[in-house]
C-alpha atoms as a PDB file:
ATOM      1  CA  UNK A   1     -10.178  30.891  -7.642  1.00  0.00           C
ATOM      2  CA  UNK A   2      -9.386  27.416  -8.829  1.00  0.00           C
ATOM      3  CA  UNK A   3     -10.906  24.219  -7.541  1.00  0.00           C
ATOM      4  CA  UNK A   4      -9.260  22.860  -4.381  1.00  0.00           C
ATOM      5  CA  UNK A   5      -8.630  19.512  -6.111  1.00  0.00           C
ATOM      6  CA  UNK A   6      -6.498  21.375  -8.717  1.00  0.00           C
ATOM      7  CA  UNK A   7      -4.082  22.554  -6.074  1.00  0.00           C
ATOM      8  CA  UNK A   8      -4.343  20.212  -3.148  1.00  0.00           C
ATOM      9  CA  UNK A   9      -2.124  17.178  -3.749  1.00  0.00           C
ATOM     10  CA  UNK A  10      -0.362  18.841  -6.661  1.00  0.00           C
ATOM     11  CA  UNK A  11       3.448  18.790  -6.938  1.00  0.00           C
ATOM     12  CA  UNK A  12       6.399  16.802  -8.196  1.00  0.00           C
ATOM     13  CA  UNK A  13       8.015  13.476  -7.362  1.00  0.00           C
ATOM     14  CA  UNK A  14       9.392  14.942  -4.022  1.00  0.00           C
ATOM     15  CA  UNK A  15       7.026  17.725  -3.242  1.00  0.00           C
ATOM     16  CA  UNK A  16       3.334  17.547  -2.447  1.00  0.00           C
ATOM     17  CA  UNK A  17       0.946  20.385  -1.631  1.00  0.00           C
ATOM     18  CA  UNK A  18      -1.414  20.404   1.266  1.00  0.00           C
ATOM     19  CA  UNK A  19      -3.800  23.341   0.768  1.00  0.00           C
ATOM     20  CA  UNK A  20      -4.696  25.395   3.821  1.00  0.00           C
ATOM     21  CA  UNK A  21      -8.428  26.344   4.130  1.00  0.00           C
ATOM     22  CA  UNK A  22      -7.756  30.061   4.149  1.00  0.00           C
ATOM     23  CA  UNK A  23      -8.910  31.406   0.834  1.00  0.00           C
ATOM     24  CA  UNK A  24      -9.148  35.174   0.280  1.00  0.00           C
ATOM     25  CA  UNK A  25      -8.430  37.876  -2.162  1.00  0.00           C
ATOM     26  CA  UNK A  26      -4.887  38.078  -0.724  1.00  0.00           C
ATOM     27  CA  UNK A  27      -4.171  34.322  -0.272  1.00  0.00           C
ATOM     28  CA  UNK A  28      -5.995  33.208  -3.433  1.00  0.00           C
ATOM     29  CA  UNK A  29      -7.113  29.573  -3.024  1.00  0.00           C
ATOM     30  CA  UNK A  30      -5.257  29.354   0.302  1.00  0.00           C
ATOM     31  CA  UNK A  31      -1.738  28.825   1.429  1.00  0.00           C
ATOM     32  CA  UNK A  32       0.310  26.078  -0.133  1.00  0.00           C
ATOM     33  CA  UNK A  33       2.037  23.952   2.544  1.00  0.00           C
ATOM     34  CA  UNK A  34       4.676  21.706   0.946  1.00  0.00           C
ATOM     35  CA  UNK A  35       5.729  18.379   2.118  1.00  0.00           C
ATOM     36  CA  UNK A  36       9.068  17.462   0.578  1.00  0.00           C
ATOM     37  CA  UNK A  37      10.867  14.213   0.869  1.00  0.00           C
ATOM     38  CA  UNK A  38      13.406  12.097  -0.984  1.00  0.00           C
ATOM     39  CA  UNK A  39      11.889   8.818  -2.299  1.00  0.00           C
ATOM     40  CA  UNK A  40      12.235   6.158   0.327  1.00  0.00           C
ATOM     41  CA  UNK A  41      13.317   8.594   3.081  1.00  0.00           C
ATOM     42  CA  UNK A  42      11.723   8.485   6.540  1.00  0.00           C
ATOM     43  CA  UNK A  43      12.094  12.139   7.177  1.00  0.00           C
ATOM     44  CA  UNK A  44      10.359  15.037   5.354  1.00  0.00           C
ATOM     45  CA  UNK A  45      10.920  18.803   5.227  1.00  0.00           C
ATOM     46  CA  UNK A  46       7.861  21.132   5.525  1.00  0.00           C
ATOM     47  CA  UNK A  47       7.848  24.398   3.770  1.00  0.00           C
ATOM     48  CA  UNK A  48       5.391  26.947   5.146  1.00  0.00           C
ATOM     49  CA  UNK A  49       3.093  25.149   7.597  1.00  0.00           C
ATOM     50  CA  UNK A  50       0.567  27.919   7.096  1.00  0.00           C
ATOM     51  CA  UNK A  51      -1.853  29.783   9.307  1.00  0.00           C
ATOM     52  CA  UNK A  52      -2.555  28.769  12.972  1.00  0.00           C
ATOM     53  CA  UNK A  53      -5.404  26.504  11.930  1.00  0.00           C
ATOM     54  CA  UNK A  54      -5.476  23.335  14.000  1.00  0.00           C
ATOM     55  CA  UNK A  55      -7.319  21.217  11.468  1.00  0.00           C
ATOM     56  CA  UNK A  56      -4.881  22.091   8.686  1.00  0.00           C
ATOM     57  CA  UNK A  57      -1.838  21.563  10.812  1.00  0.00           C
ATOM     58  CA  UNK A  58      -3.139  18.165  12.036  1.00  0.00           C
ATOM     59  CA  UNK A  59      -3.896  17.193   8.345  1.00  0.00           C
ATOM     60  CA  UNK A  60      -0.311  17.999   7.396  1.00  0.00           C
ATOM     61  CA  UNK A  61       1.042  15.797  10.256  1.00  0.00           C
ATOM     62  CA  UNK A  62      -1.373  13.043   9.431  1.00  0.00           C
ATOM     63  CA  UNK A  63      -0.476  13.075   5.803  1.00  0.00           C
ATOM     64  CA  UNK A  64       3.163  12.713   6.665  1.00  0.00           C
ATOM     65  CA  UNK A  65       2.410   9.865   9.125  1.00  0.00           C
ATOM     66  CA  UNK A  66       0.302   8.078   6.508  1.00  0.00           C
ATOM     67  CA  UNK A  67       3.374   7.909   4.355  1.00  0.00           C
ATOM     68  CA  UNK A  68       5.246   6.165   7.277  1.00  0.00           C
ATOM     69  CA  UNK A  69       7.390   9.252   7.730  1.00  0.00           C
ATOM     70  CA  UNK A  70       8.156  11.843  10.305  1.00  0.00           C
ATOM     71  CA  UNK A  71       8.820  15.597  10.148  1.00  0.00           C
ATOM     72  CA  UNK A  72      12.566  16.471  10.353  1.00  0.00           C
ATOM     73  CA  UNK A  73      12.548  20.141   9.716  1.00  0.00           C
ATOM     74  CA  UNK A  74      10.314  23.179   8.986  1.00  0.00           C
ATOM     75  CA  UNK A  75      11.445  26.007   6.607  1.00  0.00           C
ATOM     76  CA  UNK A  76       9.751  29.332   6.149  1.00  0.00           C
ATOM     77  CA  UNK A  77       9.739  31.270   2.774  1.00  0.00           C
ATOM     78  CA  UNK A  78       8.984  34.396   4.835  1.00  0.00           C
ATOM     79  CA  UNK A  79       7.163  35.436   8.040  1.00  0.00           C
ATOM     80  CA  UNK A  80       3.714  36.442   7.006  1.00  0.00           C
ATOM     81  CA  UNK A  81       1.085  34.893   9.219  1.00  0.00           C
ATOM     82  CA  UNK A  82      -0.640  32.879   6.420  1.00  0.00           C
ATOM     83  CA  UNK A  83       2.627  31.024   6.051  1.00  0.00           C
ATOM     84  CA  UNK A  84       4.304  31.106   9.364  1.00  0.00           C
ATOM     85  CA  UNK A  85       1.745  31.623  12.179  1.00  0.00           C
ATOM     86  CA  UNK A  86       1.167  27.932  12.611  1.00  0.00           C
ATOM     87  CA  UNK A  87       4.814  26.958  12.592  1.00  0.00           C
ATOM     88  CA  UNK A  88       5.320  26.604  16.426  1.00  0.00           C
ATOM     89  CA  UNK A  89       2.054  24.709  16.899  1.00  0.00           C
ATOM     90  CA  UNK A  90       2.915  22.558  14.067  1.00  0.00           C
ATOM     91  CA  UNK A  91       6.405  21.734  15.414  1.00  0.00           C
ATOM     92  CA  UNK A  92       4.673  20.726  18.677  1.00  0.00           C
ATOM     93  CA  UNK A  93       2.157  18.494  16.919  1.00  0.00           C
ATOM     94  CA  UNK A  94       4.982  16.992  14.874  1.00  0.00           C
ATOM     95  CA  UNK A  95       6.809  15.822  17.982  1.00  0.00           C
ATOM     96  CA  UNK A  96       8.076  18.863  19.837  1.00  0.00           C
ATOM     97  CA  UNK A  97      11.703  18.603  18.727  1.00  0.00           C
ATOM     98  CA  UNK A  98      11.287  19.987  15.216  1.00  0.00           C
ATOM     99  CA  UNK A  99      13.253  23.089  14.396  1.00  0.00           C
ATOM    100  CA  UNK A 100      11.847  25.939  12.320  1.00  0.00           C
ATOM    101  CA  UNK A 101      14.364  27.686  10.156  1.00  0.00           C
ATOM    102  CA  UNK A 102      13.735  31.147   8.646  1.00  0.00           C
ATOM    103  CA  UNK A 103      15.747  34.136   7.537  1.00  0.00           C
ATOM    104  CA  UNK A 104      14.138  36.454  10.212  1.00  0.00           C
ATOM    105  CA  UNK A 105      15.253  35.328  13.643  1.00  0.00           C
ATOM    106  CA  UNK A 106      11.776  36.298  15.070  1.00  0.00           C
ATOM    107  CA  UNK A 107      10.216  33.292  13.167  1.00  0.00           C
ATOM    108  CA  UNK A 108      12.792  30.635  14.059  1.00  0.00           C
ATOM    109  CA  UNK A 109      12.362  27.789  16.526  1.00  0.00           C
ATOM    110  CA  UNK A 110      15.853  26.765  17.476  1.00  0.00           C
ATOM    111  CA  UNK A 111      19.149  28.470  16.826  1.00  0.00           C
ATOM    112  CA  UNK A 112      19.503  27.749  13.124  1.00  0.00           C
ATOM    113  CA  UNK A 113      18.560  30.275  10.534  1.00  0.00           C
ATOM    114  CA  UNK A 114      18.584  30.363   6.810  1.00  0.00           C
ATOM    115  CA  UNK A 115      20.585  32.531   4.412  1.00  0.00           C
ATOM    116  CA  UNK A 116      21.889  32.715   0.856  1.00  0.00           C
ATOM    117  CA  UNK A 117      23.805  29.634  -0.229  1.00  0.00           C
ATOM    118  CA  UNK A 118      22.633  27.409   2.584  1.00  0.00           C
ATOM    119  CA  UNK A 119      21.910  23.778   1.525  1.00  0.00           C
ATOM    120  CA  UNK A 120      19.348  21.779   3.514  1.00  0.00           C
ATOM    121  CA  UNK A 121      20.072  18.105   3.473  1.00  0.00           C
ATOM    122  CA  UNK A 122      17.375  16.631   5.932  1.00  0.00           C
ATOM    123  CA  UNK A 123      16.376  13.112   4.920  1.00  0.00           C
ATOM    124  CA  UNK A 124      18.767  12.997   2.142  1.00  0.00           C
ATOM    125  CA  UNK A 125      17.221  15.989   0.280  1.00  0.00           C
ATOM    126  CA  UNK A 126      19.110  18.762  -1.381  1.00  0.00           C
ATOM    127  CA  UNK A 127      17.327  22.090  -1.025  1.00  0.00           C
ATOM    128  CA  UNK A 128      19.281  25.207  -1.868  1.00  0.00           C
ATOM    129  CA  UNK A 129      18.453  28.539  -0.354  1.00  0.00           C
ATOM    130  CA  UNK A 130      18.203  31.882  -2.188  1.00  0.00           C
ATOM    131  CA  UNK A 131      17.496  35.283  -0.767  1.00  0.00           C
ATOM    132  CA  UNK A 132      14.898  36.942  -2.898  1.00  0.00           C
ATOM    133  CA  UNK A 133      13.610  40.157  -1.112  1.00  0.00           C
ATOM    134  CA  UNK A 134      10.887  42.302  -2.411  1.00  0.00           C
ATOM    135  CA  UNK A 135       7.567  40.856  -1.363  1.00  0.00           C
ATOM    136  CA  UNK A 136       9.069  41.127   2.080  1.00  0.00           C
ATOM    137  CA  UNK A 137      12.671  41.718   3.168  1.00  0.00           C
ATOM    138  CA  UNK A 138      12.880  38.268   4.504  1.00  0.00           C
ATOM    139  CA  UNK A 139      11.600  36.416   1.412  1.00  0.00           C
ATOM    140  CA  UNK A 140      13.424  33.228   0.469  1.00  0.00           C
ATOM    141  CA  UNK A 141      13.220  30.880  -2.498  1.00  0.00           C
ATOM    142  CA  UNK A 142      14.147  27.148  -2.317  1.00  0.00           C
ATOM    143  CA  UNK A 143      15.659  25.221  -5.240  1.00  0.00           C
ATOM    144  CA  UNK A 144      14.895  21.500  -5.400  1.00  0.00           C
ATOM    145  CA  UNK A 145      17.276  20.402  -8.177  1.00  0.00           C
ATOM    146  CA  UNK A 146      16.267  16.711  -8.250  1.00  0.00           C
ATOM    147  CA  UNK A 147      12.761  17.827  -9.472  1.00  0.00           C
ATOM    148  CA  UNK A 148      13.845  20.975 -11.189  1.00  0.00           C
ATOM    149  CA  UNK A 149      11.432  22.749  -8.896  1.00  0.00           C
ATOM    150  CA  UNK A 150      11.676  26.361  -7.668  1.00  0.00           C
ATOM    151  CA  UNK A 151       9.698  27.005  -4.440  1.00  0.00           C
ATOM    152  CA  UNK A 152       8.999  30.782  -4.541  1.00  0.00           C
ATOM    153  CA  UNK A 153       6.762  31.501  -1.637  1.00  0.00           C
ATOM    154  CA  UNK A 154       4.972  34.810  -2.421  1.00  0.00           C
ATOM    155  CA  UNK A 155       7.628  36.140  -4.715  1.00  0.00           C
ATOM    156  CA  UNK A 156       5.848  34.410  -7.700  1.00  0.00           C
ATOM    157  CA  UNK A 157       2.267  33.252  -7.267  1.00  0.00           C
ATOM    158  CA  UNK A 158       0.278  30.715  -9.321  1.00  0.00           C
ATOM    159  CA  UNK A 159      -1.794  33.521 -10.732  1.00  0.00           C
ATOM    160  CA  UNK A 160      -2.210  37.227 -10.180  1.00  0.00           C
ATOM    161  CA  UNK A 161       0.581  39.471  -8.878  1.00  0.00           C
ATOM    162  CA  UNK A 162       2.222  39.759  -5.443  1.00  0.00           C
ATOM    163  CA  UNK A 163       1.857  42.645  -3.097  1.00  0.00           C
ATOM    164  CA  UNK A 164       5.069  44.391  -2.190  1.00  0.00           C
ATOM    165  CA  UNK A 165       6.073  45.305   1.350  1.00  0.00           C
ATOM    166  CA  UNK A 166       9.696  45.499   0.509  1.00  0.00           C
ATOM    167  CA  UNK A 167      11.562  47.619  -2.008  1.00  0.00           C
ATOM    168  CA  UNK A 168      10.511  47.464  -5.700  1.00  0.00           C
ATOM    169  CA  UNK A 169      14.282  47.613  -6.712  1.00  0.00           C
ATOM    170  CA  UNK A 170      14.952  44.466  -4.620  1.00  0.00           C
ATOM    171  CA  UNK A 171      11.904  42.779  -6.134  1.00  0.00           C
ATOM    172  CA  UNK A 172      12.820  43.458  -9.685  1.00  0.00           C
ATOM    173  CA  UNK A 173      16.319  42.172  -8.983  1.00  0.00           C
ATOM    174  CA  UNK A 174      14.856  39.092  -7.433  1.00  0.00           C
ATOM    175  CA  UNK A 175      12.750  38.450 -10.481  1.00  0.00           C
ATOM    176  CA  UNK A 176      15.578  39.052 -12.839  1.00  0.00           C
ATOM    177  CA  UNK A 177      17.745  36.689 -10.785  1.00  0.00           C
ATOM    178  CA  UNK A 178      15.104  33.970 -10.697  1.00  0.00           C
ATOM    179  CA  UNK A 179      14.716  34.357 -14.491  1.00  0.00           C
ATOM    180  CA  UNK A 180      18.370  33.969 -15.245  1.00  0.00           C
ATOM    181  CA  UNK A 181      18.742  31.176 -12.665  1.00  0.00           C
ATOM    182  CA  UNK A 182      15.712  29.211 -14.070  1.00  0.00           C
ATOM    183  CA  UNK A 183      17.139  29.470 -17.506  1.00  0.00           C
ATOM    184  CA  UNK A 184      20.551  28.405 -16.485  1.00  0.00           C
ATOM    185  CA  UNK A 185      19.372  25.292 -14.553  1.00  0.00           C
ATOM    186  CA  UNK A 186      16.420  24.596 -16.957  1.00  0.00           C
ATOM    187  CA  UNK A 187      13.951  24.587 -14.112  1.00  0.00           C
ATOM    188  CA  UNK A 188      10.941  22.514 -14.801  1.00  0.00           C
ATOM    189  CA  UNK A 189       8.298  24.069 -12.547  1.00  0.00           C
ATOM    190  CA  UNK A 190       7.538  26.785 -10.012  1.00  0.00           C
ATOM    191  CA  UNK A 191       5.901  25.681  -6.796  1.00  0.00           C
ATOM    192  CA  UNK A 192       4.341  28.890  -5.409  1.00  0.00           C
ATOM    193  CA  UNK A 193       3.012  29.869  -2.071  1.00  0.00           C
ATOM    194  CA  UNK A 194      -0.445  30.353  -3.388  1.00  0.00           C
ATOM    195  CA  UNK A 195      -2.251  29.135  -6.483  1.00  0.00           C
ATOM    196  CA  UNK A 196      -1.364  26.276  -9.010  1.00  0.00           C
ATOM    197  CA  UNK A 197       2.076  25.185  -9.932  1.00  0.00           C
ATOM    198  CA  UNK A 198       3.575  26.790 -13.057  1.00  0.00           C
ATOM    199  CA  UNK A 199       5.062  24.370 -15.482  1.00  0.00           C
ATOM    200  CA  UNK A 200       6.741  26.989 -17.719  1.00  0.00           C
ATOM    201  CA  UNK A 201       8.848  28.997 -15.285  1.00  0.00           C
ATOM    202  CA  UNK A 202      10.504  31.184 -17.874  1.00  0.00           C
ATOM    203  CA  UNK A 203       7.091  32.192 -19.334  1.00  0.00           C
ATOM    204  CA  UNK A 204       5.815  32.890 -15.776  1.00  0.00           C
ATOM    205  CA  UNK A 205       8.822  34.957 -14.784  1.00  0.00           C
ATOM    206  CA  UNK A 206       8.763  36.896 -18.113  1.00  0.00           C
ATOM    207  CA  UNK A 207       5.021  37.690 -17.415  1.00  0.00           C
ATOM    208  CA  UNK A 208       5.823  38.860 -13.887  1.00  0.00           C
ATOM    209  CA  UNK A 209       8.693  41.087 -15.012  1.00  0.00           C
ATOM    210  CA  UNK A 210       6.763  42.577 -17.914  1.00  0.00           C
ATOM    211  CA  UNK A 211       3.724  43.140 -15.678  1.00  0.00           C
ATOM    212  CA  UNK A 212       5.723  44.780 -12.955  1.00  0.00           C
ATOM    213  CA  UNK A 213       7.519  47.073 -15.388  1.00  0.00           C
ATOM    214  CA  UNK A 214       4.249  48.043 -17.141  1.00  0.00           C
ATOM    215  CA  UNK A 215       2.647  48.924 -13.729  1.00  0.00           C
ATOM    216  CA  UNK A 216       5.703  51.003 -12.985  1.00  0.00           C
ATOM    217  CA  UNK A 217       5.266  52.977 -16.213  1.00  0.00           C
ATOM    218  CA  UNK A 218       1.587  53.582 -15.281  1.00  0.00           C
ATOM    219  CA  UNK A 219       2.421  54.757 -11.836  1.00  0.00           C
ATOM    220  CA  UNK A 220       5.066  57.118 -13.440  1.00  0.00           C
ATOM    221  CA  UNK A 221       2.354  58.444 -15.849  1.00  0.00           C
ATOM    222  CA  UNK A 222      -0.061  58.929 -12.974  1.00  0.00           C
ATOM    223  CA  UNK A 223       2.518  61.033 -11.105  1.00  0.00           C
ATOM    224  CA  UNK A 224       3.243  63.018 -14.184  1.00  0.00           C
ATOM    225  CA  UNK A 225      -0.526  63.711 -14.510  1.00  0.00           C
ATOM    226  CA  UNK A 226      -0.733  65.111 -11.030  1.00  0.00           C
ATOM    227  CA  UNK A 227      -1.221  62.142  -8.567  1.00  0.00           C
ATOM    228  CA  UNK A 228       0.720  62.959  -5.412  1.00  0.00           C
ATOM    229  CA  UNK A 229      -0.142  60.230  -2.892  1.00  0.00           C
ATOM    230  CA  UNK A 230      -0.185  56.430  -3.146  1.00  0.00           C
ATOM    231  CA  UNK A 231      -4.068  56.568  -2.875  1.00  0.00           C
ATOM    232  CA  UNK A 232      -4.325  59.021  -5.680  1.00  0.00           C
ATOM    233  CA  UNK A 233      -2.122  56.779  -7.837  1.00  0.00           C
ATOM    234  CA  UNK A 234      -4.208  53.742  -6.961  1.00  0.00           C
ATOM    235  CA  UNK A 235      -7.464  55.561  -7.911  1.00  0.00           C
ATOM    236  CA  UNK A 236      -5.924  56.174 -11.458  1.00  0.00           C
ATOM    237  CA  UNK A 237      -3.951  52.986 -12.078  1.00  0.00           C
ATOM    238  CA  UNK A 238      -6.188  50.530 -10.340  1.00  0.00           C
ATOM    239  CA  UNK A 239      -9.470  52.003 -11.333  1.00  0.00           C
ATOM    240  CA  UNK A 240     -10.609  48.643 -12.931  1.00  0.00           C
ATOM    241  CA  UNK A 241      -9.575  46.555  -9.806  1.00  0.00           C
ATOM    242  CA  UNK A 242     -11.932  45.634  -7.018  1.00  0.00           C
ATOM    243  CA  UNK A 243     -11.806  48.362  -4.467  1.00  0.00           C
ATOM    244  CA  UNK A 244     -11.429  45.759  -1.691  1.00  0.00           C
ATOM    245  CA  UNK A 245      -7.893  45.230  -3.041  1.00  0.00           C
ATOM    246  CA  UNK A 246      -6.999  48.954  -3.121  1.00  0.00           C
ATOM    247  CA  UNK A 247      -5.351  48.933   0.363  1.00  0.00           C
ATOM    248  CA  UNK A 248      -2.990  46.191  -0.672  1.00  0.00           C
ATOM    249  CA  UNK A 249      -2.406  48.012  -3.926  1.00  0.00           C
ATOM    250  CA  UNK A 250      -1.259  50.990  -1.916  1.00  0.00           C
ATOM    251  CA  UNK A 251       1.539  48.961  -0.380  1.00  0.00           C
ATOM    252  CA  UNK A 252       2.873  48.172  -3.835  1.00  0.00           C
ATOM    253  CA  UNK A 253       2.319  51.709  -5.089  1.00  0.00           C
ATOM    254  CA  UNK A 254       4.385  53.079  -2.144  1.00  0.00           C
ATOM    255  CA  UNK A 255       7.218  50.827  -3.118  1.00  0.00           C
ATOM    256  CA  UNK A 256       6.987  52.050  -6.754  1.00  0.00           C
ATOM    257  CA  UNK A 257       6.909  55.597  -5.712  1.00  0.00           C
ATOM    258  CA  UNK A 258      10.040  55.109  -3.538  1.00  0.00           C
ATOM    259  CA  UNK A 259      11.738  53.427  -6.430  1.00  0.00           C
ATOM    260  CA  UNK A 260      10.882  56.266  -8.907  1.00  0.00           C
ATOM    261  CA  UNK A 261      12.147  58.852  -6.314  1.00  0.00           C
ATOM    262  CA  UNK A 262      15.396  56.911  -5.861  1.00  0.00           C
ATOM    263  CA  UNK A 263      16.085  57.058  -9.608  1.00  0.00           C
ATOM    264  CA  UNK A 264      15.710  60.956  -9.729  1.00  0.00           C
END
């Protein structure tokens, strides 16, 4: 894991990371909560308040207040607890009238959701919404054109690879789409949900795509060699990986097996 100082406070002109104190094998250095604001604006947008950790949530609120600003809106990249569990409490700490918008209605606070093509303009910002399923079915990516920044949640991490709960076909399509989009708009940086920012988006996405397809080939080879269950595939393909990560790897392998079966 990287030093907290490398991640906490990183960002772009409009986006600043507040790192949650929840490091683990799954969350890397912790969850990246993003404070996003137009220069000179008095309202900010928060992306992924993080876990239900009172000290972290209060720190985010205090950071916004120290800038002479207020929270205008909360957005969720997806509903996993390390990103979303603290959202309702955060909204209360931030003033009690703050809405939480998400793709999945279960994680919203208020009647507004998020979907493909939406544009968030709180505080004069322009944040464009893309649906990028794969890590989860409700995964979203936000495009901040003024900074050339792509906020990917857990679809692309600062290092390592993401675990899949959704469908591999969806995830591969999402990666291909993000790669093409980033090339088209000449994206300058990826601001991930965990880990450091990535200042060469195309190289990062190429690595993710290559890695995922290489893993798929390994899974296919394991099946051809006799592996029949996700666990048996993990034992062959992830033999050099810490066994503490094997349960998470099984999630991804199940997605890969389903993808391979769908292609037959």
